[in-house]
């Protein structure tokens, strides 16, 4: 999944590749919407992420193919990761992740372990919606590390994504 993403952003603007990547989690979150409140939360998160990523139609066709392949793989990661995190008789979700050693070897272990722990506690749609915080956290890193202060429009986008998360209510 990560390799395909890197191939995509080698051929597309980063924001465009990131936006296409998030179509999958947004679709998973939309599939799980069961209340008007969560529908509103989804719309806020979509609005925040879509404007924050600043999509531009530029780049190579192959980049788009890689980006959409990554989108599909991200959906697979959420769906399969959610199943693994649920575990089975005598198997914890983290043990299931350890069995999928390819994920741990090819990318960072800590974020995937955190994902597994979150997936164990959250419904799939809630977890997928929470992924809209990734561009928000990237903006935070940009502020802290690169001193890239968001403008008024970007600040509103960040607040929209956070508002969507705050509005969302997991199925009880």
Protein backbone atom coordinates (compact mmCIF):
# COMPACT_ATOMS: atom_id res chain seq x y z
CA UNK A 1 0.00 0.00 0.00
CA UNK A 2 2.73 2.46 0.94
CA UNK A 3 4.86 1.59 -2.09
CA UNK A 4 1.95 2.27 -4.43
CA UNK A 5 1.35 5.59 -2.67
CA UNK A 6 5.00 6.59 -3.07
CA UNK A 7 4.82 5.68 -6.77
CA UNK A 8 1.70 7.85 -7.07
CA UNK A 9 3.21 10.93 -5.44
CA UNK A 10 6.34 10.55 -7.53
CA UNK A 11 4.08 11.32 -10.51
CA UNK A 12 1.40 13.57 -8.97
CA UNK A 13 1.27 16.55 -6.63
CA UNK A 14 1.35 15.25 -3.03
CA UNK A 15 -2.01 16.84 -2.22
CA UNK A 16 -3.69 15.16 -5.18
CA UNK A 17 -2.27 11.74 -4.30
CA UNK A 18 -3.31 12.22 -0.67
CA UNK A 19 -6.83 13.28 -1.61
CA UNK A 20 -7.32 10.26 -3.86
CA UNK A 21 -5.96 8.02 -1.11
CA UNK A 22 -8.64 9.32 1.28
CA UNK A 23 -11.50 8.53 -1.08
CA UNK A 24 -11.33 4.94 0.21
CA UNK A 25 -11.56 5.71 3.94
CA UNK A 26 -14.31 8.24 3.22
CA UNK A 27 -16.22 5.54 1.31
CA UNK A 28 -15.80 3.11 4.23
CA UNK A 29 -17.00 5.78 6.65
CA UNK A 30 -19.95 6.60 4.38
CA UNK A 31 -20.89 2.93 4.12
CA UNK A 32 -21.16 2.78 7.91
CA UNK A 33 -23.21 5.97 8.40
CA UNK A 34 -26.44 5.13 10.20
CA UNK A 35 -27.53 8.45 11.70
CA UNK A 36 -28.00 11.99 10.46
CA UNK A 37 -25.48 13.15 13.04
CA UNK A 38 -22.80 10.86 11.60
CA UNK A 39 -23.75 11.91 8.07
CA UNK A 40 -23.13 15.52 9.12
CA UNK A 41 -19.84 14.48 10.72
CA UNK A 42 -18.81 12.80 7.47
CA UNK A 43 -19.68 15.90 5.43
CA UNK A 44 -17.62 18.13 7.74
CA UNK A 45 -14.64 15.78 7.56
CA UNK A 46 -14.91 15.58 3.75
CA UNK A 47 -15.09 19.36 3.47
CA UNK A 48 -12.08 19.86 5.71
CA UNK A 49 -9.91 17.22 4.04
CA UNK A 50 -10.89 18.15 0.48
CA UNK A 51 -9.99 21.80 0.82
CA UNK A 52 -6.96 21.14 3.03
CA UNK A 53 -5.42 18.79 0.45
CA UNK A 54 -5.73 21.38 -2.36
CA UNK A 55 -6.30 18.90 -5.19
CA UNK A 56 -4.86 19.87 -8.57
CA UNK A 57 -5.43 17.94 -11.77
CA UNK A 58 -1.81 17.65 -12.82
CA UNK A 59 0.66 14.85 -13.26
CA UNK A 60 1.01 11.62 -15.15
CA UNK A 61 -1.82 9.19 -15.92
CA UNK A 62 0.23 6.40 -14.32
CA UNK A 63 0.30 8.47 -11.12
CA UNK A 64 -3.50 8.45 -11.03
CA UNK A 65 -3.52 4.68 -11.57
CA UNK A 66 -1.15 4.25 -8.63
CA UNK A 67 -3.19 6.68 -6.49
CA UNK A 68 -6.46 4.84 -7.14
CA UNK A 69 -4.75 1.49 -6.54
CA UNK A 70 -3.58 2.88 -3.20
CA UNK A 71 -7.14 4.00 -2.47
CA UNK A 72 -8.41 0.44 -3.00
CA UNK A 73 -5.57 -0.99 -0.92
CA UNK A 74 -6.37 1.48 1.88
CA UNK A 75 -9.96 0.19 1.93
CA UNK A 76 -8.58 -3.35 2.12
CA UNK A 77 -6.30 -2.29 4.96
CA UNK A 78 -9.24 -0.88 6.93
CA UNK A 79 -11.55 -3.84 6.32
CA UNK A 80 -8.94 -6.56 6.85
CA UNK A 81 -7.25 -4.65 9.68
CA UNK A 82 -10.58 -4.38 11.43
CA UNK A 83 -11.08 -8.14 11.16
CA UNK A 84 -7.54 -8.85 12.37
CA UNK A 85 -7.91 -6.46 15.29
CA UNK A 86 -11.05 -8.28 16.40
CA UNK A 87 -8.88 -11.36 16.80
CA UNK A 88 -10.31 -14.78 17.23
CA UNK A 89 -10.36 -17.43 19.89
CA UNK A 90 -7.03 -17.08 21.71
CA UNK A 91 -5.61 -14.47 19.29
CA UNK A 92 -5.31 -10.78 20.10
CA UNK A 93 -5.44 -8.17 17.37
CA UNK A 94 -1.79 -7.25 17.90
CA UNK A 95 -0.84 -10.93 17.51
CA UNK A 96 -2.79 -10.93 14.26
CA UNK A 97 -0.81 -7.92 13.14
CA UNK A 98 2.42 -9.70 14.02
CA UNK A 99 1.31 -12.55 11.76
CA UNK A 100 1.05 -10.01 8.92
CA UNK A 101 4.81 -9.40 9.14
CA UNK A 102 4.97 -7.85 5.68
CA UNK A 103 3.13 -4.77 6.94
CA UNK A 104 5.48 -4.41 9.89
CA UNK A 105 8.60 -4.92 7.83
CA UNK A 106 7.67 -2.66 4.93
CA UNK A 107 6.52 0.30 6.97
CA UNK A 108 6.43 1.78 10.45
CA UNK A 109 5.30 -0.65 13.12
CA UNK A 110 4.08 1.83 15.73
CA UNK A 111 1.36 3.50 13.60
CA UNK A 112 0.02 0.13 12.54
CA UNK A 113 -0.06 -1.15 16.13
CA UNK A 114 -1.90 2.02 17.15
CA UNK A 115 -4.34 1.45 14.28
CA UNK A 116 -4.95 -2.10 15.46
CA UNK A 117 -5.59 -0.96 19.01
CA UNK A 118 -8.02 1.70 17.77
CA UNK A 119 -9.76 -0.73 15.40
CA UNK A 120 -10.35 -3.11 18.28
CA UNK A 121 -12.33 -0.42 20.11
CA UNK A 122 -14.04 1.45 17.27
CA UNK A 123 -16.57 0.51 14.60
CA UNK A 124 -15.09 0.43 11.10
CA UNK A 125 -16.90 3.61 9.98
CA UNK A 126 -15.68 5.53 13.04
CA UNK A 127 -12.08 4.45 12.46
CA UNK A 128 -12.29 5.40 8.77
CA UNK A 129 -13.64 8.84 9.65
CA UNK A 130 -10.85 9.35 12.18
CA UNK A 131 -8.38 8.96 9.33
CA UNK A 132 -9.43 12.44 8.19
CA UNK A 133 -7.25 13.65 11.05
CA UNK A 134 -4.13 12.50 9.19
CA UNK A 135 -3.98 15.60 6.95
CA UNK A 136 -4.76 17.70 10.04
CA UNK A 137 -1.86 16.13 11.93
CA UNK A 138 0.35 16.64 8.86
CA UNK A 139 -0.57 20.34 9.00
CA UNK A 140 0.37 20.30 12.70
CA UNK A 141 3.76 18.82 11.87
CA UNK A 142 4.14 21.47 9.18
CA UNK A 143 3.52 24.15 11.81
CA UNK A 144 5.90 22.68 14.39
CA UNK A 145 8.71 21.42 12.19
CA UNK A 146 8.62 23.51 9.03
CA UNK A 147 7.06 26.65 10.49
CA UNK A 148 4.36 26.55 7.79
CA UNK A 149 1.56 28.52 9.40
CA UNK A 150 -1.81 27.79 7.80
CA UNK A 151 -3.73 30.69 6.37
CA UNK A 152 -7.33 31.52 7.27
CA UNK A 153 -8.84 29.13 4.68
CA UNK A 154 -6.58 26.24 5.76
CA UNK A 155 -7.42 26.92 9.42
CA UNK A 156 -11.13 26.68 8.60
CA UNK A 157 -10.47 23.40 6.77
CA UNK A 158 -8.65 22.00 9.78
CA UNK A 159 -11.51 23.06 12.04
CA UNK A 160 -14.06 21.44 9.68
CA UNK A 161 -12.23 18.11 9.80
CA UNK A 162 -11.94 18.31 13.60
CA UNK A 163 -15.61 19.33 13.80
CA UNK A 164 -16.60 16.25 11.81
CA UNK A 165 -14.72 14.03 14.24
CA UNK A 166 -16.23 15.83 17.23
CA UNK A 167 -19.76 15.51 15.81
CA UNK A 168 -19.45 11.81 14.98
CA UNK A 169 -21.01 9.39 17.41
CA UNK A 170 -20.02 5.73 17.36
CA UNK A 171 -22.85 3.23 17.29
CA UNK A 172 -23.57 2.19 20.87
